[in-house]
Amino acid sequence: MRMMIRNGMEDKGGGGEEAEWAELTQECLTNILSRLTLEERWRGPMLVCKSWLKASQDPSLNSVFDLDAHFDSPTESSRWWPPDFERKMDSMLRSVVVWSDGSLTHIRTRHCSDLPLNLAAQRCPNLQVLSIKSCPNVTDVSMTSIAYRCTKLTELDISYCYEISHESLAMIGRNCPNLKILKRNFMNWLDPSQHVGIVPDKYLNACPQDGDAEAAAVGKFMPHLEHLEIRFSKLSGRGLGSICEGCLNLEYLDLSGCANLTGRDIANATSNLKNVKDVKKPNFYIPRSVFHAERYGHWRLYDERFQTDVFRI
């Protein structure tokens, strides 16, 4: 991943071999490059000569920007959070937005900021998929631009983006009527040791606390959702009820890690979802009193929890 970015950011003008490729037409070069992956294009052909660089910038090759597969290495994850990595992500995304000439429909990346997303909102009205997990500097500012300008969105993943509020969810819901997939997962706050040494403490502490406000925005403004992921959300049974009352087309619902929910909460809320096929329930045991002692005052309702003993609190 680092090599791809480093090479992609180096000077691409170089040209000792340009004459050798001069006979290949732009159409031919574009056809050749279309058979390569995004990584292969950025690590090689873009550096060959000016004509290959120009071919790499063809809009037909830049309708999809997908780096998701390159963020799957746990050993590399600590290198992705510093500002210099974010600047490289921003630079790559800005380049693709410009080269796409408005044809960009899919963005799947991480660790970018508001800057390239505001540019994408201005230039890419046909954007359908936006996946920007783990972006500490993506805020309501860029989400407002996306909501008003990219109204064809069908899929949105803003997992682990803690500077995005429920107000953005409401705006996107109001302006993007075709939205079918929403992923708004949070980091595992029940076992924060998973993130020590990787995610900055300041960022973890910025995690939104009002899960019910986000649930209310989803339920009220996203009635056509079919797929919803809210892992480790702190919503209550009331918040889940808001979602299930407003999103009657839900087919998939992931509630893994939602520690404030009971089996009864989930059963009651999902009972009116006629199309639901899969509900991922919280898969751990937590004494009821830890979260709602003021409500019950005792541990009598332990059996409402999902007792698979993955971990205990």
Protein backbone atom coordinates (compact mmCIF):
# COMPACT_ATOMS: atom_id res chain seq x y z
CA MET A 1 0.00 0.00 0.00
CA ARG A 2 2.77 2.46 0.95
CA MET A 3 4.72 1.65 -2.21
CA MET A 4 1.67 2.25 -4.38
CA ILE A 5 1.08 5.65 -2.82
CA ARG A 6 4.74 6.64 -2.86
CA ASN A 7 5.15 5.75 -6.49
CA GLY A 8 1.85 7.38 -7.38
CA MET A 9 2.91 10.65 -5.79
CA GLU A 10 6.33 10.78 -7.48
CA ASP A 11 6.97 12.80 -10.61
CA LYS A 12 5.08 11.19 -13.45
CA GLY A 13 6.46 13.26 -16.29
CA GLY A 14 9.52 11.37 -17.08
CA GLY A 15 9.99 10.47 -20.64
CA GLY A 16 13.06 8.72 -21.93
CA GLU A 17 10.94 5.98 -23.46
CA GLU A 18 8.17 8.18 -24.83
CA ALA A 19 9.21 7.76 -28.47
CA GLU A 20 8.97 4.00 -28.13
CA TRP A 21 5.25 4.25 -27.37
CA ALA A 22 4.43 7.13 -29.70
CA GLU A 23 2.79 4.91 -32.30
CA LEU A 24 0.15 3.66 -29.86
CA THR A 25 -3.04 5.69 -30.11
CA GLN A 26 -4.74 7.09 -27.03
CA GLU A 27 -7.64 4.68 -27.57
CA CYS A 28 -5.26 1.72 -27.67
CA LEU A 29 -3.43 2.82 -24.53
CA THR A 30 -6.68 3.31 -22.66
CA ASN A 31 -7.83 -0.15 -23.69
CA ILE A 32 -4.59 -1.65 -22.38
CA LEU A 33 -4.79 0.20 -19.07
CA SER A 34 -8.42 -0.75 -18.57
CA ARG A 35 -7.26 -4.33 -18.08
CA LEU A 36 -5.14 -3.36 -15.05
CA THR A 37 -6.19 -2.80 -11.47
CA LEU A 38 -6.06 0.61 -9.84
CA GLU A 39 -2.92 -0.39 -7.96
CA GLU A 40 -1.23 -1.66 -11.10
CA ARG A 41 -1.92 1.60 -12.94
CA TRP A 42 -0.60 3.80 -10.15
CA ARG A 43 2.55 1.72 -9.58
CA GLY A 44 3.63 1.36 -13.20
CA PRO A 45 2.05 2.74 -16.39
CA MET A 46 1.56 6.25 -15.00
CA LEU A 47 5.35 6.52 -14.65
CA VAL A 48 6.34 5.22 -18.10
CA CYS A 49 5.96 8.38 -20.18
CA LYS A 50 3.67 11.34 -20.80
CA SER A 51 1.40 9.52 -23.20
CA TRP A 52 0.84 6.69 -20.71
CA LEU A 53 0.19 9.22 -17.97
CA LYS A 54 -2.35 10.97 -20.16
CA ALA A 55 -4.04 7.66 -20.96
CA SER A 56 -4.21 6.85 -17.23
CA GLN A 57 -6.15 10.07 -16.72
CA ASP A 58 -8.89 9.09 -19.14
CA PRO A 59 -12.32 9.51 -17.47
CA SER A 60 -13.32 5.96 -18.41
CA LEU A 61 -10.54 4.64 -16.14
CA ASN A 62 -11.52 6.83 -13.22
CA SER A 63 -15.20 6.16 -12.70
CA VAL A 64 -14.37 3.95 -9.68
CA PHE A 65 -11.88 4.71 -6.91
CA ASP A 66 -11.66 1.63 -4.69
CA LEU A 67 -8.84 1.15 -2.18
CA ASP A 68 -10.77 -0.95 0.34
CA ALA A 69 -8.81 -4.12 -0.33
CA HIS A 70 -5.56 -2.36 0.54
CA PHE A 71 -6.64 -1.58 4.11
CA ASP A 72 -7.03 -5.17 5.26
CA SER A 73 -3.59 -5.58 6.85
CA PRO A 74 -3.72 -5.23 10.68
CA THR A 75 0.08 -4.87 10.81
CA GLU A 76 -0.09 -1.71 8.70
CA SER A 77 -3.03 -0.02 10.42
CA SER A 78 -0.97 2.15 12.81
CA ARG A 79 0.70 3.82 9.81
CA TRP A 80 -2.61 5.09 8.42
CA TRP A 81 -3.58 7.55 11.15
CA PRO A 82 -0.81 10.22 10.96
CA PRO A 83 -1.54 13.44 8.99
CA ASP A 84 1.00 12.70 6.26
CA PHE A 85 -0.88 9.56 5.22
CA GLU A 86 -4.13 11.51 5.10
CA ARG A 87 -2.51 14.07 2.82
CA LYS A 88 -1.50 11.30 0.42
CA MET A 89 -5.02 9.89 0.43
CA ASP A 90 -6.40 13.37 -0.23
CA SER A 91 -4.00 13.87 -3.13
CA MET A 92 -4.93 10.57 -4.77
CA LEU A 93 -8.66 11.16 -4.39
CA ARG A 94 -8.44 14.72 -5.70
CA SER A 95 -6.58 13.49 -8.78
CA VAL A 96 -9.19 10.84 -9.54
CA VAL A 97 -12.05 13.32 -9.03
CA VAL A 98 -10.48 15.70 -11.55
CA TRP A 99 -9.59 12.99 -14.06
CA SER A 100 -13.06 11.46 -13.88
CA ASP A 101 -14.58 14.59 -15.42
CA GLY A 102 -17.81 13.96 -13.52
CA SER A 103 -18.02 10.22 -14.26
CA LEU A 104 -16.93 9.05 -10.78
CA THR A 105 -19.64 6.81 -9.31
CA HIS A 106 -17.84 4.84 -6.58
CA ILE A 107 -15.49 6.05 -3.85
CA ARG A 108 -14.15 3.47 -1.40
CA THR A 109 -11.25 4.73 0.66
CA ARG A 110 -10.21 5.62 4.20
CA HIS A 111 -8.29 8.31 6.06
CA CYS A 112 -9.21 11.17 3.76
CA SER A 113 -10.46 14.61 4.83
CA ASP A 114 -13.20 17.08 3.93
CA LEU A 115 -11.10 18.65 1.16
CA PRO A 116 -11.33 16.00 -1.59
CA LEU A 117 -14.90 15.12 -0.60
CA ASN A 118 -16.01 18.72 -1.10
CA LEU A 119 -14.36 18.60 -4.53
CA ALA A 120 -16.14 15.31 -5.30
CA ALA A 121 -19.45 16.86 -4.29
CA GLN A 122 -18.88 19.75 -6.70
CA ARG A 123 -17.72 17.68 -9.67
CA CYS A 124 -19.30 14.22 -9.33
CA PRO A 125 -23.10 14.51 -9.30
CA ASN A 126 -23.43 10.85 -10.36
CA LEU A 127 -21.76 9.49 -7.23
CA GLN A 128 -23.64 6.39 -6.07
CA VAL A 129 -21.35 4.74 -3.51
CA LEU A 130 -19.39 6.59 -0.82
CA SER A 131 -17.38 4.52 1.66
CA ILE A 132 -15.00 6.55 3.83
CA LYS A 133 -14.35 4.56 6.99
CA SER A 134 -11.94 5.80 9.68
CA CYS A 135 -11.68 9.41 8.54
CA PRO A 136 -10.94 11.61 11.59
CA ASN A 137 -11.14 14.82 9.57
CA VAL A 138 -14.35 14.22 7.65
CA THR A 139 -17.05 16.39 9.19
CA ASP A 140 -20.58 17.64 8.64
CA VAL A 141 -19.12 20.26 6.29
CA SER A 142 -18.33 17.81 3.48
CA MET A 143 -21.35 15.66 4.28
CA THR A 144 -23.59 18.67 3.74
CA SER A 145 -22.06 19.18 0.29
CA ILE A 146 -22.46 15.50 -0.52
CA ALA A 147 -26.09 15.53 0.63
CA TYR A 148 -27.07 18.48 -1.55
CA ARG A 149 -25.06 17.66 -4.67
CA CYS A 150 -24.79 13.85 -4.81
CA THR A 151 -28.46 12.95 -4.60
CA LYS A 152 -28.03 9.63 -6.43
CA LEU A 153 -26.30 7.95 -3.50
CA THR A 154 -27.43 4.36 -2.95
CA GLU A 155 -24.75 3.28 -0.44
CA LEU A 156 -23.03 5.20 2.36
CA ASP A 157 -20.40 3.90 4.79
CA ILE A 158 -19.28 6.42 7.41
CA SER A 159 -18.15 3.87 10.00
CA TYR A 160 -15.65 5.17 12.59
CA CYS A 161 -16.06 8.76 11.32
CA TYR A 162 -16.65 10.41 14.68
CA GLU A 163 -16.81 14.02 13.49
CA ILE A 164 -19.99 13.28 11.51
CA SER A 165 -23.14 13.93 13.49
CA HIS A 166 -26.76 12.85 13.32
CA GLU A 167 -27.47 16.09 11.46
CA SER A 168 -25.56 14.76 8.46
CA LEU A 169 -27.61 11.56 8.54
CA ALA A 170 -30.77 13.66 8.46
CA MET A 171 -29.54 15.79 5.54
CA ILE A 172 -28.45 12.78 3.52
CA GLY A 173 -31.75 11.07 4.21
CA ARG A 174 -33.72 14.10 3.08
CA ASN A 175 -31.77 14.59 -0.15
CA CYS A 176 -30.78 11.06 -1.21
CA PRO A 177 -34.05 9.16 -1.65
CA ASN A 178 -32.34 6.18 -3.33
CA LEU A 179 -30.19 5.32 -0.32
CA LYS A 180 -30.49 1.57 0.32
CA ILE A 181 -27.34 0.76 2.34
CA LEU A 182 -26.07 2.59 5.42
CA LYS A 183 -23.08 1.48 7.48
CA ARG A 184 -22.55 3.50 10.63
CA ASN A 185 -20.43 1.20 12.78
CA PHE A 186 -18.40 2.27 15.80
CA MET A 187 -15.18 0.96 17.27
CA ASN A 188 -15.43 -1.60 20.05
CA TRP A 189 -15.79 0.63 23.09
CA LEU A 190 -16.41 -2.40 25.30
CA ASP A 191 -12.88 -3.66 24.66
CA PRO A 192 -10.79 -0.58 23.75
CA SER A 193 -7.56 -2.56 24.07
CA GLN A 194 -8.11 -3.53 20.44
CA HIS A 195 -7.27 0.04 19.41
CA VAL A 196 -4.47 0.94 21.82
CA GLY A 197 -1.39 2.06 19.95
CA ILE A 198 -3.28 2.31 16.67
CA VAL A 199 -6.08 4.85 16.94
CA PRO A 200 -5.25 8.17 18.69
CA ASP A 201 -6.87 8.40 22.14
CA LYS A 202 -8.18 11.88 21.36
CA TYR A 203 -10.09 10.50 18.40
CA LEU A 204 -11.53 7.56 20.34
CA ASN A 205 -12.76 9.95 23.02
CA ALA A 206 -14.60 11.95 20.37
CA CYS A 207 -16.96 9.05 19.66
CA PRO A 208 -20.58 10.27 19.54
CA GLN A 209 -22.55 9.23 22.60
CA ASP A 210 -26.16 9.82 21.54
CA GLY A 211 -27.06 6.70 19.58
CA ASP A 212 -30.77 7.47 19.85
CA ALA A 213 -30.38 10.81 18.03
CA GLU A 214 -28.74 9.02 15.11
CA ALA A 215 -31.37 6.29 15.22
CA ALA A 216 -34.14 8.90 15.10
CA ALA A 217 -32.53 10.52 12.03
CA VAL A 218 -32.28 7.16 10.27
CA GLY A 219 -35.84 6.17 11.09
CA LYS A 220 -37.32 9.50 10.05
CA PHE A 221 -35.36 10.31 6.90
CA MET A 222 -34.21 6.97 5.42
CA PRO A 223 -37.42 5.01 4.82
CA HIS A 224 -36.05 3.01 1.88
CA LEU A 225 -33.08 1.43 3.67
CA GLU A 226 -32.64 -2.29 3.07
CA HIS A 227 -29.26 -2.83 4.75
CA LEU A 228 -28.23 -1.17 8.03
CA GLU A 229 -25.10 -1.73 10.13
CA ILE A 230 -24.73 0.06 13.48
CA ARG A 231 -22.25 -2.15 15.33
CA PHE A 232 -21.35 -0.94 18.84
CA SER A 233 -23.87 1.88 18.70
CA LYS A 234 -25.08 3.07 22.10
CA LEU A 235 -28.70 3.31 21.02
CA SER A 236 -31.42 2.09 23.37
CA GLY A 237 -34.55 0.05 22.74
CA ARG A 238 -36.35 3.32 22.04
CA GLY A 239 -33.83 4.22 19.34
CA LEU A 240 -34.09 0.80 17.73
CA GLY A 241 -37.86 1.19 17.75
CA SER A 242 -37.50 4.47 15.84
CA ILE A 243 -35.44 2.74 13.17
CA CYS A 244 -37.77 -0.21 12.76
CA GLU A 245 -40.87 1.97 12.64
CA GLY A 246 -39.43 4.16 9.90
CA CYS A 247 -37.41 1.65 7.84
CA LEU A 248 -39.96 -1.01 7.03
CA ASN A 249 -37.99 -2.32 4.02
CA LEU A 250 -35.03 -3.49 6.09
CA GLU A 251 -33.71 -6.89 5.06
CA TYR A 252 -30.42 -6.90 6.98
CA LEU A 253 -29.77 -5.35 10.39
CA ASP A 254 -26.44 -5.64 12.23
CA LEU A 255 -26.67 -4.81 15.93
CA SER A 256 -23.45 -6.55 17.01
CA GLY A 257 -21.98 -4.93 20.10
CA CYS A 258 -25.06 -2.81 20.87
CA ALA A 259 -24.78 -3.37 24.61
CA ASN A 260 -27.80 -1.31 25.63
CA LEU A 261 -30.23 -3.60 23.80
CA THR A 262 -31.93 -6.67 25.21
CA GLY A 263 -33.38 -9.63 23.41
CA ARG A 264 -36.84 -8.29 24.25
CA ASP A 265 -35.98 -4.88 22.77
CA ILE A 266 -34.88 -6.48 19.51
CA ALA A 267 -37.82 -8.87 19.28
CA ASN A 268 -40.36 -6.10 19.89
CA ALA A 269 -38.77 -3.61 17.52
CA THR A 270 -38.21 -6.01 14.62
CA SER A 271 -41.59 -7.71 14.82
CA ASN A 272 -43.05 -5.39 12.18
CA LEU A 273 -40.19 -5.84 9.67
CA LYS A 274 -41.87 -8.14 7.16
CA ASN A 275 -38.89 -8.29 4.76
CA VAL A 276 -36.11 -8.81 7.31
CA LYS A 277 -33.93 -11.84 6.55
CA ASP A 278 -31.00 -11.45 8.93
CA VAL A 279 -30.62 -9.67 12.27
CA LYS A 280 -27.17 -9.80 13.87
CA LYS A 281 -27.75 -9.59 17.61
CA PRO A 282 -25.32 -8.55 20.38
CA ASN A 283 -23.19 -11.61 21.07
CA PHE A 284 -21.93 -11.16 24.60
CA TYR A 285 -23.06 -11.36 28.20
CA ILE A 286 -23.37 -8.11 30.19
CA PRO A 287 -25.14 -7.79 33.56
CA ARG A 288 -28.24 -5.69 33.09
CA SER A 289 -27.35 -3.47 36.05
CA VAL A 290 -24.15 -2.20 34.42
CA PHE A 291 -26.19 -0.08 32.02
CA HIS A 292 -29.66 0.20 33.53
CA ALA A 293 -29.34 -0.24 37.28
CA GLU A 294 -31.51 2.82 37.77
CA ARG A 295 -34.26 1.13 35.80
CA TYR A 296 -34.33 -2.31 37.41
CA GLY A 297 -32.20 -2.05 40.54
CA HIS A 298 -31.23 -5.73 40.41
CA TRP A 299 -29.86 -8.43 38.08
CA ARG A 300 -33.05 -10.42 37.68
CA LEU A 301 -33.19 -10.06 33.90
CA TYR A 302 -29.79 -11.55 33.04
CA ASP A 303 -31.45 -13.95 30.67
CA GLU A 304 -32.40 -11.08 28.34
CA ARG A 305 -28.74 -10.79 27.35
CA PHE A 306 -27.09 -12.90 24.67
CA GLN A 307 -24.94 -15.23 26.75
CA THR A 308 -22.28 -16.57 24.43
CA ASP A 309 -19.40 -15.58 26.77
CA VAL A 310 -17.31 -13.89 24.12
CA PHE A 311 -16.22 -11.61 26.97
CA ARG A 312 -17.60 -10.46 30.26
CA ILE A 313 -17.83 -7.12 32.01
